[in-house]
Amino acid sequence: MVEYRSPKPVVVGSSPSAPASRTEIEKDRDLEMAKNIVQFFRETRQEALKVTWPTRKETVMTTVVVFIMIFVMAVILLMADGIIAACVKFILGLGA
């Protein structure tokens, strides 16, 4: 046996027999949003074409400088770690 249910009369919305239709304002809003998205991508492309991209030589040199700085910082942190470890061993050695 199939039970038939009708929509409640106090509830606003759609029912299967009479689905809600979109208003003209909603349709216009959706169309405007689509136009804005297309405009956004056009402007993004135009701005990307204005960018002065680095040359291959500049990119390689910048990468080398970054690796050198990473190495220098690693050495500095290694020395700081050794000094701190020696100090902690000295302090803990005095307490024993």
PDB file of N, CA and C in Angstrom:
ATOM      1  N   MET A   1       0.838  -1.174   0.000  1.00  0.00           N
ATOM      2  CA  MET A   1       0.000   0.000   0.000  1.00  0.00           C
ATOM      3  C   MET A   1       0.886   1.241   0.000  1.00  0.00           C
ATOM      4  N   VAL A   2       0.629   2.205  -0.871  1.00  0.00           N
ATOM      5  CA  VAL A   2       1.392   3.431  -0.984  1.00  0.00           C
ATOM      6  C   VAL A   2       0.628   4.546  -0.297  1.00  0.00           C
ATOM      7  N   GLU A   3       1.359   5.263   0.540  1.00  0.00           N
ATOM      8  CA  GLU A   3       0.721   6.367   1.254  1.00  0.00           C
ATOM      9  C   GLU A   3       0.964   7.657   0.488  1.00  0.00           C
ATOM     10  N   TYR A   4      -0.070   8.428   0.260  1.00  0.00           N
ATOM     11  CA  TYR A   4       0.048   9.695  -0.451  1.00  0.00           C
ATOM     12  C   TYR A   4       0.160  10.815   0.576  1.00  0.00           C
ATOM     13  N   ARG A   5       1.171  11.642   0.420  1.00  0.00           N
ATOM     14  CA  ARG A   5       1.356  12.769   1.329  1.00  0.00           C
ATOM     15  C   ARG A   5       1.301  14.056   0.520  1.00  0.00           C
ATOM     16  N   SER A   6       0.507  14.965   0.974  1.00  0.00           N
ATOM     17  CA  SER A   6       0.451  16.264   0.315  1.00  0.00           C
ATOM     18  C   SER A   6       1.285  17.252   1.113  1.00  0.00           C
ATOM     19  N   PRO A   7       1.789  18.296   0.475  1.00  0.00           N
ATOM     20  CA  PRO A   7       2.591  19.275   1.206  1.00  0.00           C
ATOM     21  C   PRO A   7       1.741  20.000   2.245  1.00  0.00           C
ATOM     22  N   LYS A   8       2.386  20.369   3.327  1.00  0.00           N
ATOM     23  CA  LYS A   8       1.677  21.095   4.375  1.00  0.00           C
ATOM     24  C   LYS A   8       1.330  22.487   3.852  1.00  0.00           C
ATOM     25  N   PRO A   9       0.142  22.970   4.085  1.00  0.00           N
ATOM     26  CA  PRO A   9      -0.238  24.276   3.549  1.00  0.00           C
ATOM     27  C   PRO A   9       0.499  25.447   4.193  1.00  0.00           C
ATOM     28  N   VAL A  10       1.048  25.267   5.412  1.00  0.00           N
ATOM     29  CA  VAL A  10       1.728  26.376   6.076  1.00  0.00           C
ATOM     30  C   VAL A  10       3.192  26.477   5.694  1.00  0.00           C
ATOM     31  N   VAL A  11       3.730  25.448   5.052  1.00  0.00           N
ATOM     32  CA  VAL A  11       5.139  25.440   4.686  1.00  0.00           C
ATOM     33  C   VAL A  11       5.309  26.090   3.322  1.00  0.00           C
ATOM     34  N   VAL A  12       6.227  27.061   3.243  1.00  0.00           N
ATOM     35  CA  VAL A  12       6.477  27.752   1.987  1.00  0.00           C
ATOM     36  C   VAL A  12       7.563  27.001   1.227  1.00  0.00           C
ATOM     37  N   GLY A  13       7.382  26.814  -0.032  1.00  0.00           N
ATOM     38  CA  GLY A  13       8.383  26.132  -0.828  1.00  0.00           C
ATOM     39  C   GLY A  13       7.728  25.486  -2.021  1.00  0.00           C
ATOM     40  N   SER A  14       8.317  24.396  -2.473  1.00  0.00           N
ATOM     41  CA  SER A  14       7.779  23.740  -3.645  1.00  0.00           C
ATOM     42  C   SER A  14       7.270  22.365  -3.273  1.00  0.00           C
ATOM     43  N   SER A  15       6.422  21.855  -4.104  1.00  0.00           N
ATOM     44  CA  SER A  15       5.947  20.493  -3.953  1.00  0.00           C
ATOM     45  C   SER A  15       6.212  19.789  -5.273  1.00  0.00           C
ATOM     46  N   PRO A  16       6.210  18.475  -5.277  1.00  0.00           N
ATOM     47  CA  PRO A  16       6.474  17.769  -6.535  1.00  0.00           C
ATOM     48  C   PRO A  16       5.471  18.114  -7.636  1.00  0.00           C
ATOM     49  N   SER A  17       4.248  18.439  -7.257  1.00  0.00           N
ATOM     50  CA  SER A  17       3.247  18.741  -8.281  1.00  0.00           C
ATOM     51  C   SER A  17       3.390  20.164  -8.817  1.00  0.00           C
ATOM     52  N   ALA A  18       3.964  21.067  -8.025  1.00  0.00           N
ATOM     53  CA  ALA A  18       4.139  22.452  -8.463  1.00  0.00           C
ATOM     54  C   ALA A  18       5.494  22.955  -7.987  1.00  0.00           C
ATOM     55  N   PRO A  19       6.582  22.626  -8.711  1.00  0.00           N
ATOM     56  CA  PRO A  19       7.903  23.054  -8.261  1.00  0.00           C
ATOM     57  C   PRO A  19       8.046  24.571  -8.296  1.00  0.00           C
ATOM     58  N   ALA A  20       8.875  25.085  -7.394  1.00  0.00           N
ATOM     59  CA  ALA A  20       9.099  26.527  -7.330  1.00  0.00           C
ATOM     60  C   ALA A  20       9.862  26.980  -8.563  1.00  0.00           C
ATOM     61  N   SER A  21       9.503  28.130  -9.078  1.00  0.00           N
ATOM     62  CA  SER A  21      10.208  28.662 -10.248  1.00  0.00           C
ATOM     63  C   SER A  21      11.130  29.780  -9.806  1.00  0.00           C
ATOM     64  N   ARG A  22      12.192  29.953 -10.550  1.00  0.00           N
ATOM     65  CA  ARG A  22      13.149  31.009 -10.227  1.00  0.00           C
ATOM     66  C   ARG A  22      12.586  32.344 -10.664  1.00  0.00           C
ATOM     67  N   THR A  23      12.829  33.341  -9.874  1.00  0.00           N
ATOM     68  CA  THR A  23      12.338  34.671 -10.225  1.00  0.00           C
ATOM     69  C   THR A  23      13.284  35.319 -11.218  1.00  0.00           C
ATOM     70  N   GLU A  24      12.815  36.354 -11.852  1.00  0.00           N
ATOM     71  CA  GLU A  24      13.643  37.085 -12.812  1.00  0.00           C
ATOM     72  C   GLU A  24      14.849  37.706 -12.122  1.00  0.00           C
ATOM     73  N   ILE A  25      14.683  38.151 -10.887  1.00  0.00           N
ATOM     74  CA  ILE A  25      15.792  38.754 -10.150  1.00  0.00           C
ATOM     75  C   ILE A  25      16.905  37.730  -9.936  1.00  0.00           C
ATOM     76  N   GLU A  26      16.518  36.505  -9.570  1.00  0.00           N
ATOM     77  CA  GLU A  26      17.527  35.454  -9.370  1.00  0.00           C
ATOM     78  C   GLU A  26      18.234  35.130 -10.679  1.00  0.00           C
ATOM     79  N   LYS A  27      17.477  35.083 -11.766  1.00  0.00           N
ATOM     80  CA  LYS A  27      18.083  34.793 -13.069  1.00  0.00           C
ATOM     81  C   LYS A  27      19.058  35.900 -13.466  1.00  0.00           C
ATOM     82  N   ASP A  28      18.648  37.165 -13.250  1.00  0.00           N
ATOM     83  CA  ASP A  28      19.537  38.290 -13.563  1.00  0.00           C
ATOM     84  C   ASP A  28      20.787  38.263 -12.697  1.00  0.00           C
ATOM     85  N   ARG A  29      20.620  37.925 -11.427  1.00  0.00           N
ATOM     86  CA  ARG A  29      21.772  37.863 -10.518  1.00  0.00           C
ATOM     87  C   ARG A  29      22.758  36.784 -10.975  1.00  0.00           C
ATOM     88  N   ASP A  30      22.242  35.633 -11.362  1.00  0.00           N
ATOM     89  CA  ASP A  30      23.113  34.560 -11.838  1.00  0.00           C
ATOM     90  C   ASP A  30      23.832  34.953 -13.128  1.00  0.00           C
ATOM     91  N   LEU A  31      23.122  35.623 -14.020  1.00  0.00           N
ATOM     92  CA  LEU A  31      23.733  36.067 -15.268  1.00  0.00           C
ATOM     93  C   LEU A  31      24.824  37.097 -14.997  1.00  0.00           C
ATOM     94  N   GLU A  32      24.553  38.025 -14.077  1.00  0.00           N
ATOM     95  CA  GLU A  32      25.542  39.047 -13.715  1.00  0.00           C
ATOM     96  C   GLU A  32      26.776  38.401 -13.090  1.00  0.00           C
ATOM     97  N   MET A  33      26.568  37.386 -12.247  1.00  0.00           N
ATOM     98  CA  MET A  33      27.693  36.709 -11.610  1.00  0.00           C
ATOM     99  C   MET A  33      28.541  35.989 -12.665  1.00  0.00           C
ATOM    100  N   ALA A  34      27.906  35.373 -13.644  1.00  0.00           N
ATOM    101  CA  ALA A  34      28.643  34.700 -14.719  1.00  0.00           C
ATOM    102  C   ALA A  34      29.469  35.716 -15.515  1.00  0.00           C
ATOM    103  N   LYS A  35      28.880  36.882 -15.776  1.00  0.00           N
ATOM    104  CA  LYS A  35      29.612  37.926 -16.498  1.00  0.00           C
ATOM    105  C   LYS A  35      30.807  38.407 -15.675  1.00  0.00           C
ATOM    106  N   ASN A  36      30.614  38.533 -14.358  1.00  0.00           N
ATOM    107  CA  ASN A  36      31.710  38.972 -13.489  1.00  0.00           C
ATOM    108  C   ASN A  36      32.847  37.959 -13.477  1.00  0.00           C
ATOM    109  N   ILE A  37      32.521  36.684 -13.491  1.00  0.00           N
ATOM    110  CA  ILE A  37      33.557  35.642 -13.494  1.00  0.00           C
ATOM    111  C   ILE A  37      34.364  35.708 -14.786  1.00  0.00           C
ATOM    112  N   VAL A  38      33.669  35.847 -15.912  1.00  0.00           N
ATOM    113  CA  VAL A  38      34.355  35.945 -17.200  1.00  0.00           C
ATOM    114  C   VAL A  38      35.241  37.182 -17.228  1.00  0.00           C
ATOM    115  N   GLN A  39      34.725  38.305 -16.730  1.00  0.00           N
ATOM    116  CA  GLN A  39      35.511  39.542 -16.688  1.00  0.00           C
ATOM    117  C   GLN A  39      36.733  39.369 -15.796  1.00  0.00           C
ATOM    118  N   PHE A  40      36.579  38.685 -14.662  1.00  0.00           N
ATOM    119  CA  PHE A  40      37.698  38.453 -13.757  1.00  0.00           C
ATOM    120  C   PHE A  40      38.826  37.702 -14.471  1.00  0.00           C
ATOM    121  N   PHE A  41      38.490  36.640 -15.189  1.00  0.00           N
ATOM    122  CA  PHE A  41      39.526  35.861 -15.860  1.00  0.00           C
ATOM    123  C   PHE A  41      40.172  36.640 -17.007  1.00  0.00           C
ATOM    124  N   ARG A  42      39.400  37.477 -17.695  1.00  0.00           N
ATOM    125  CA  ARG A  42      39.987  38.314 -18.740  1.00  0.00           C
ATOM    126  C   ARG A  42      41.003  39.286 -18.145  1.00  0.00           C
ATOM    127  N   GLU A  43      40.602  39.936 -17.048  1.00  0.00           N
ATOM    128  CA  GLU A  43      41.502  40.899 -16.416  1.00  0.00           C
ATOM    129  C   GLU A  43      42.734  40.201 -15.840  1.00  0.00           C
ATOM    130  N   THR A  44      42.557  39.003 -15.295  1.00  0.00           N
ATOM    131  CA  THR A  44      43.688  38.242 -14.764  1.00  0.00           C
ATOM    132  C   THR A  44      44.685  37.930 -15.875  1.00  0.00           C
ATOM    133  N   ARG A  45      44.173  37.523 -17.021  1.00  0.00           N
ATOM    134  CA  ARG A  45      45.054  37.220 -18.152  1.00  0.00           C
ATOM    135  C   ARG A  45      45.800  38.470 -18.614  1.00  0.00           C
ATOM    136  N   GLN A  46      45.095  39.599 -18.668  1.00  0.00           N
ATOM    137  CA  GLN A  46      45.736  40.847 -19.083  1.00  0.00           C
ATOM    138  C   GLN A  46      46.840  41.242 -18.105  1.00  0.00           C
ATOM    139  N   GLU A  47      46.594  41.089 -16.817  1.00  0.00           N
ATOM    140  CA  GLU A  47      47.608  41.433 -15.816  1.00  0.00           C
ATOM    141  C   GLU A  47      48.804  40.488 -15.897  1.00  0.00           C
ATOM    142  N   ALA A  48      48.548  39.201 -16.157  1.00  0.00           N
ATOM    143  CA  ALA A  48      49.646  38.234 -16.261  1.00  0.00           C
ATOM    144  C   ALA A  48      50.549  38.564 -17.452  1.00  0.00           C
ATOM    145  N   LEU A  49      49.967  39.120 -18.506  1.00  0.00           N
ATOM    146  CA  LEU A  49      50.772  39.495 -19.669  1.00  0.00           C
ATOM    147  C   LEU A  49      51.643  40.718 -19.382  1.00  0.00           C
ATOM    148  N   LYS A  50      51.284  41.521 -18.392  1.00  0.00           N
ATOM    149  CA  LYS A  50      52.058  42.711 -18.041  1.00  0.00           C
ATOM    150  C   LYS A  50      53.253  42.397 -17.141  1.00  0.00           C
ATOM    151  N   VAL A  51      53.275  41.201 -16.557  1.00  0.00           N
ATOM    152  CA  VAL A  51      54.329  40.839 -15.610  1.00  0.00           C
ATOM    153  C   VAL A  51      55.659  40.717 -16.332  1.00  0.00           C
ATOM    154  N   THR A  52      56.702  41.259 -15.714  1.00  0.00           N
ATOM    155  CA  THR A  52      58.046  41.090 -16.240  1.00  0.00           C
ATOM    156  C   THR A  52      58.639  39.845 -15.582  1.00  0.00           C
ATOM    157  N   TRP A  53      58.660  38.756 -16.317  1.00  0.00           N
ATOM    158  CA  TRP A  53      59.126  37.497 -15.761  1.00  0.00           C
ATOM    159  C   TRP A  53      60.654  37.488 -15.734  1.00  0.00           C
ATOM    160  N   PRO A  54      61.270  36.850 -14.723  1.00  0.00           N
ATOM    161  CA  PRO A  54      62.738  36.803 -14.660  1.00  0.00           C
ATOM    162  C   PRO A  54      63.297  35.922 -15.776  1.00  0.00           C
ATOM    163  N   THR A  55      64.517  36.254 -16.159  1.00  0.00           N
ATOM    164  CA  THR A  55      65.177  35.434 -17.176  1.00  0.00           C
ATOM    165  C   THR A  55      65.666  34.142 -16.532  1.00  0.00           C
ATOM    166  N   ARG A  56      66.106  33.217 -17.350  1.00  0.00           N
ATOM    167  CA  ARG A  56      66.611  31.945 -16.830  1.00  0.00           C
ATOM    168  C   ARG A  56      67.842  32.186 -15.960  1.00  0.00           C
ATOM    169  N   LYS A  57      68.715  33.103 -16.400  1.00  0.00           N
ATOM    170  CA  LYS A  57      69.934  33.405 -15.651  1.00  0.00           C
ATOM    171  C   LYS A  57      69.588  33.967 -14.273  1.00  0.00           C
ATOM    172  N   GLU A  58      68.623  34.903 -14.221  1.00  0.00           N
ATOM    173  CA  GLU A  58      68.209  35.473 -12.927  1.00  0.00           C
ATOM    174  C   GLU A  58      67.634  34.404 -12.005  1.00  0.00           C
ATOM    175  N   THR A  59      66.848  33.505 -12.579  1.00  0.00           N
ATOM    176  CA  THR A  59      66.249  32.441 -11.777  1.00  0.00           C
ATOM    177  C   THR A  59      67.314  31.514 -11.209  1.00  0.00           C
ATOM    178  N   VAL A  60      68.291  31.133 -12.034  1.00  0.00           N
ATOM    179  CA  VAL A  60      69.370  30.252 -11.570  1.00  0.00           C
ATOM    180  C   VAL A  60      70.190  30.947 -10.484  1.00  0.00           C
ATOM    181  N   MET A  61      70.526  32.214 -10.691  1.00  0.00           N
ATOM    182  CA  MET A  61      71.332  32.939  -9.700  1.00  0.00           C
ATOM    183  C   MET A  61      70.582  33.073  -8.368  1.00  0.00           C
ATOM    184  N   THR A  62      69.306  33.376  -8.428  1.00  0.00           N
ATOM    185  CA  THR A  62      68.514  33.493  -7.205  1.00  0.00           C
ATOM    186  C   THR A  62      68.447  32.152  -6.476  1.00  0.00           C
ATOM    187  N   THR A  63      68.296  31.080  -7.211  1.00  0.00           N
ATOM    188  CA  THR A  63      68.251  29.748  -6.619  1.00  0.00           C
ATOM    189  C   THR A  63      69.576  29.417  -5.941  1.00  0.00           C
ATOM    190  N   VAL A  64      70.690  29.744  -6.588  1.00  0.00           N
ATOM    191  CA  VAL A  64      72.012  29.491  -5.999  1.00  0.00           C
ATOM    192  C   VAL A  64      72.174  30.290  -4.707  1.00  0.00           C
ATOM    193  N   VAL A  65      71.762  31.543  -4.710  1.00  0.00           N
ATOM    194  CA  VAL A  65      71.862  32.374  -3.503  1.00  0.00           C
ATOM    195  C   VAL A  65      71.031  31.771  -2.375  1.00  0.00           C
ATOM    196  N   VAL A  66      69.843  31.279  -2.688  1.00  0.00           N
ATOM    197  CA  VAL A  66      68.991  30.663  -1.666  1.00  0.00           C
ATOM    198  C   VAL A  66      69.682  29.435  -1.076  1.00  0.00           C
ATOM    199  N   PHE A  67      70.253  28.578  -1.911  1.00  0.00           N
ATOM    200  CA  PHE A  67      70.929  27.386  -1.397  1.00  0.00           C
ATOM    201  C   PHE A  67      72.153  27.756  -0.554  1.00  0.00           C
ATOM    202  N   ILE A  68      72.883  28.779  -0.946  1.00  0.00           N
ATOM    203  CA  ILE A  68      74.031  29.227  -0.146  1.00  0.00           C
ATOM    204  C   ILE A  68      73.565  29.715   1.217  1.00  0.00           C
ATOM    205  N   MET A  69      72.489  30.493   1.239  1.00  0.00           N
ATOM    206  CA  MET A  69      71.976  30.998   2.515  1.00  0.00           C
ATOM    207  C   MET A  69      71.462  29.861   3.401  1.00  0.00           C
ATOM    208  N   ILE A  70      70.858  28.859   2.807  1.00  0.00           N
ATOM    209  CA  ILE A  70      70.406  27.696   3.579  1.00  0.00           C
ATOM    210  C   ILE A  70      71.608  26.997   4.205  1.00  0.00           C
ATOM    211  N   PHE A  71      72.689  26.830   3.441  1.00  0.00           N
ATOM    212  CA  PHE A  71      73.891  26.188   3.962  1.00  0.00           C
ATOM    213  C   PHE A  71      74.499  27.011   5.102  1.00  0.00           C
ATOM    214  N   VAL A  72      74.595  28.331   4.916  1.00  0.00           N
ATOM    215  CA  VAL A  72      75.166  29.201   5.954  1.00  0.00           C
ATOM    216  C   VAL A  72      74.334  29.122   7.231  1.00  0.00           C
ATOM    217  N   MET A  73      73.020  29.183   7.108  1.00  0.00           N
ATOM    218  CA  MET A  73      72.154  29.110   8.289  1.00  0.00           C
ATOM    219  C   MET A  73      72.273  27.744   8.967  1.00  0.00           C
ATOM    220  N   ALA A  74      72.418  26.680   8.179  1.00  0.00           N
ATOM    221  CA  ALA A  74      72.581  25.344   8.764  1.00  0.00           C
ATOM    222  C   ALA A  74      73.858  25.277   9.589  1.00  0.00           C
ATOM    223  N   VAL A  75      74.947  25.860   9.093  1.00  0.00           N
ATOM    224  CA  VAL A  75      76.212  25.873   9.825  1.00  0.00           C
ATOM    225  C   VAL A  75      76.074  26.692  11.110  1.00  0.00           C
ATOM    226  N   ILE A  76      75.434  27.853  11.016  1.00  0.00           N
ATOM    227  CA  ILE A  76      75.250  28.700  12.204  1.00  0.00           C
ATOM    228  C   ILE A  76      74.413  27.964  13.260  1.00  0.00           C
ATOM    229  N   LEU A  77      73.328  27.329  12.842  1.00  0.00           N
ATOM    230  CA  LEU A  77      72.482  26.598  13.794  1.00  0.00           C
ATOM    231  C   LEU A  77      73.200  25.382  14.368  1.00  0.00           C
ATOM    232  N   LEU A  78      74.037  24.724  13.572  1.00  0.00           N
ATOM    233  CA  LEU A  78      74.821  23.593  14.066  1.00  0.00           C
ATOM    234  C   LEU A  78      75.791  24.053  15.153  1.00  0.00           C
ATOM    235  N   MET A  79      76.443  25.201  14.924  1.00  0.00           N
ATOM    236  CA  MET A  79      77.367  25.731  15.935  1.00  0.00           C
ATOM    237  C   MET A  79      76.605  26.149  17.193  1.00  0.00           C
ATOM    238  N   ALA A  80      75.469  26.820  17.034  1.00  0.00           N
ATOM    239  CA  ALA A  80      74.672  27.236  18.189  1.00  0.00           C
ATOM    240  C   ALA A  80      74.200  26.021  18.971  1.00  0.00           C
ATOM    241  N   ASP A  81      73.786  24.980  18.282  1.00  0.00           N
ATOM    242  CA  ASP A  81      73.347  23.761  18.956  1.00  0.00           C
ATOM    243  C   ASP A  81      74.493  23.124  19.735  1.00  0.00           C
ATOM    244  N   GLY A  82      75.681  23.106  19.149  1.00  0.00           N
ATOM    245  CA  GLY A  82      76.843  22.538  19.848  1.00  0.00           C
ATOM    246  C   GLY A  82      77.199  23.337  21.097  1.00  0.00           C
ATOM    247  N   ILE A  83      77.144  24.663  20.999  1.00  0.00           N
ATOM    248  CA  ILE A  83      77.455  25.516  22.147  1.00  0.00           C
ATOM    249  C   ILE A  83      76.420  25.313  23.253  1.00  0.00           C
ATOM    250  N   ILE A  84      75.149  25.294  22.883  1.00  0.00           N
ATOM    251  CA  ILE A  84      74.088  25.092  23.887  1.00  0.00           C
ATOM    252  C   ILE A  84      74.216  23.713  24.523  1.00  0.00           C
ATOM    253  N   ALA A  85      74.499  22.695  23.732  1.00  0.00           N
ATOM    254  CA  ALA A  85      74.656  21.341  24.284  1.00  0.00           C
ATOM    255  C   ALA A  85      75.834  21.284  25.253  1.00  0.00           C
ATOM    256  N   ALA A  86      76.936  21.945  24.903  1.00  0.00           N
ATOM    257  CA  ALA A  86      78.099  21.963  25.803  1.00  0.00           C
ATOM    258  C   ALA A  86      77.761  22.684  27.104  1.00  0.00           C
ATOM    259  N   CYS A  87      77.041  23.788  27.020  1.00  0.00           N
ATOM    260  CA  CYS A  87      76.645  24.520  28.230  1.00  0.00           C
ATOM    261  C   CYS A  87      75.736  23.677  29.124  1.00  0.00           C
ATOM    262  N   VAL A  88      74.800  22.984  28.529  1.00  0.00           N
ATOM    263  CA  VAL A  88      73.880  22.145  29.317  1.00  0.00           C
ATOM    264  C   VAL A  88      74.666  21.012  29.978  1.00  0.00           C
ATOM    265  N   LYS A  89      75.583  20.398  29.248  1.00  0.00           N
ATOM    266  CA  LYS A  89      76.396  19.327  29.845  1.00  0.00           C
ATOM    267  C   LYS A  89      77.239  19.862  30.996  1.00  0.00           C
ATOM    268  N   PHE A  90      77.787  21.059  30.825  1.00  0.00           N
ATOM    269  CA  PHE A  90      78.608  21.673  31.884  1.00  0.00           C
ATOM    270  C   PHE A  90      77.754  21.942  33.115  1.00  0.00           C
ATOM    271  N   ILE A  91      76.570  22.537  32.918  1.00  0.00           N
ATOM    272  CA  ILE A  91      75.696  22.860  34.041  1.00  0.00           C
ATOM    273  C   ILE A  91      75.226  21.583  34.742  1.00  0.00           C
ATOM    274  N   LEU A  92      74.814  20.590  33.979  1.00  0.00           N
ATOM    275  CA  LEU A  92      74.338  19.335  34.585  1.00  0.00           C
ATOM    276  C   LEU A  92      75.499  18.578  35.241  1.00  0.00           C
ATOM    277  N   GLY A  93      76.712  18.740  34.707  1.00  0.00           N
ATOM    278  CA  GLY A  93      77.885  18.086  35.309  1.00  0.00           C
ATOM    279  C   GLY A  93      78.227  18.689  36.663  1.00  0.00           C
ATOM    280  N   LEU A  94      77.984  19.996  36.842  1.00  0.00           N
ATOM    281  CA  LEU A  94      78.258  20.639  38.127  1.00  0.00           C
ATOM    282  C   LEU A  94      77.262  20.199  39.202  1.00  0.00           C
ATOM    283  N   GLY A  95      76.067  19.899  38.820  1.00  0.00           N
ATOM    284  CA  GLY A  95      75.035  19.524  39.796  1.00  0.00           C
ATOM    285  C   GLY A  95      75.227  18.120  40.321  1.00  0.00           C
ATOM    286  N   ALA A  96      75.995  17.262  39.669  1.00  0.00           N
ATOM    287  CA  ALA A  96      76.147  15.867  40.099  1.00  0.00           C
ATOM    288  C   ALA A  96      77.152  15.685  41.195  1.00  0.00           C
TER     289      ALA A  96
END
